[in-house]
Each structure stands twice: as C-alpha cells, then as structure tokens.
Amino acid sequence: MRNSFAILGFAASFAMIAQTATAQDQSSNRVATKTDWNVFVEDNPKECWGVSVPTETVNTRDGRVVAANRGQILLMVSYQPGSNVAGQVSFTGGYPFRDGSQVSINIGGTDFSMFTEGEWAWPASPSDDAKLVSAMKRGANAVVTGVSSRGTTTKDTFSLLGFTAAVEDAEKRCS
C-alpha cells in the first residue's frame, strides 16, 4: 500500500491544481487538448497530468435517481518526477467518500478497484495503476462508481477518446 503521507500531500497539491481544471479555458497551465482529455503542466514542482470530466453523471439513493450537490468530478493520470510518481490514476467525485469504501472503475466489462480517502480515490499500487492505464488506453468509456458519506451512489461515465494521446503527452512533458 502507498505511503499515506505521500498520498495526503499528493491529494492536497492535486486539490489546488484540480481547481484550475474547472476553468480550463482560463487556466494558464493547460498545454494541450486531446479530444475529451486535457493536459496540464506545473513547473514548481514539476507535475504533468491528463484530466477529464464526466460525460454523464447519475446519482441514486435507495434505487431512485436523486439530485446531489457535488463539487469537481475529475478522472486523471499524473506524473511527478520529483516524487517518483509515474502514471498514477486518481479520481475525485466531488464529495467525501463513505469511510472504508472503495470506488470501482469499469472499462469494457472489467472492474478495477480503488481505495478512498476523503474526496479522493487511487489504485492500491503502481502496478494497479499500470493495469488500469492499459485498460483505459484500450477502452471507449470508464464508468466510475462510488458511495458518498451520506449513502448516495454515484455513477460517472468518462469518455476515453483522447486518453492515450493525453497520457502520452503528459508523460513526455514530465520525463
């Protein structure tokens, strides 16, 4: 399992950076758009990532569709050469996840699991990241399902059009 202090630091820096993804057209650190994915770069410390927002979101409770107040919903893959982070997948659902819950990502019928902490979710290891990135490169959509601390189940669908180009661009910029 990954070092929780490193993860917390990573989440804190990503939280600040992710705020810029909302206003991608106004952000000065977006360096490329690859269909449904964008590439961002920060210089100090050096960080590069591909990020996308969902094309569809469904929130349910007790089997019924409900309205939910959510913040930023982002799926991303990041590279931080100074921290030996390469191809780390992360997801924020815009709400605190239920304690002890996991997030699942379904790509082409294959499920991948991510652990949660606060509003963020990650695969458990770099090898799990690599498997997930490989599946995302081959897939058309990623369906991410999580459960909020209030018991709402969220299902976010992300297009993977442009994913491979965005991730390869981010990796190249941080190599």
Foldseek 3Di string as FASTA:
>chain_A
DDDVVVVVVVVVVVVVVVVCVVVVVPDPQFDDDFPQWTWGFDVVPTKIKIKGAFPDKFKDAPRHTDDDDFDGWMWMFMDGPVVRGAGWIKTFTRAFFAPPWWKWKDFPNDIAIWTGDGRMTTHPDPVSSVVVLVSLVVGQKIWIWTAHNVGMIMITIHGSRRVVVRSVVRNVVND
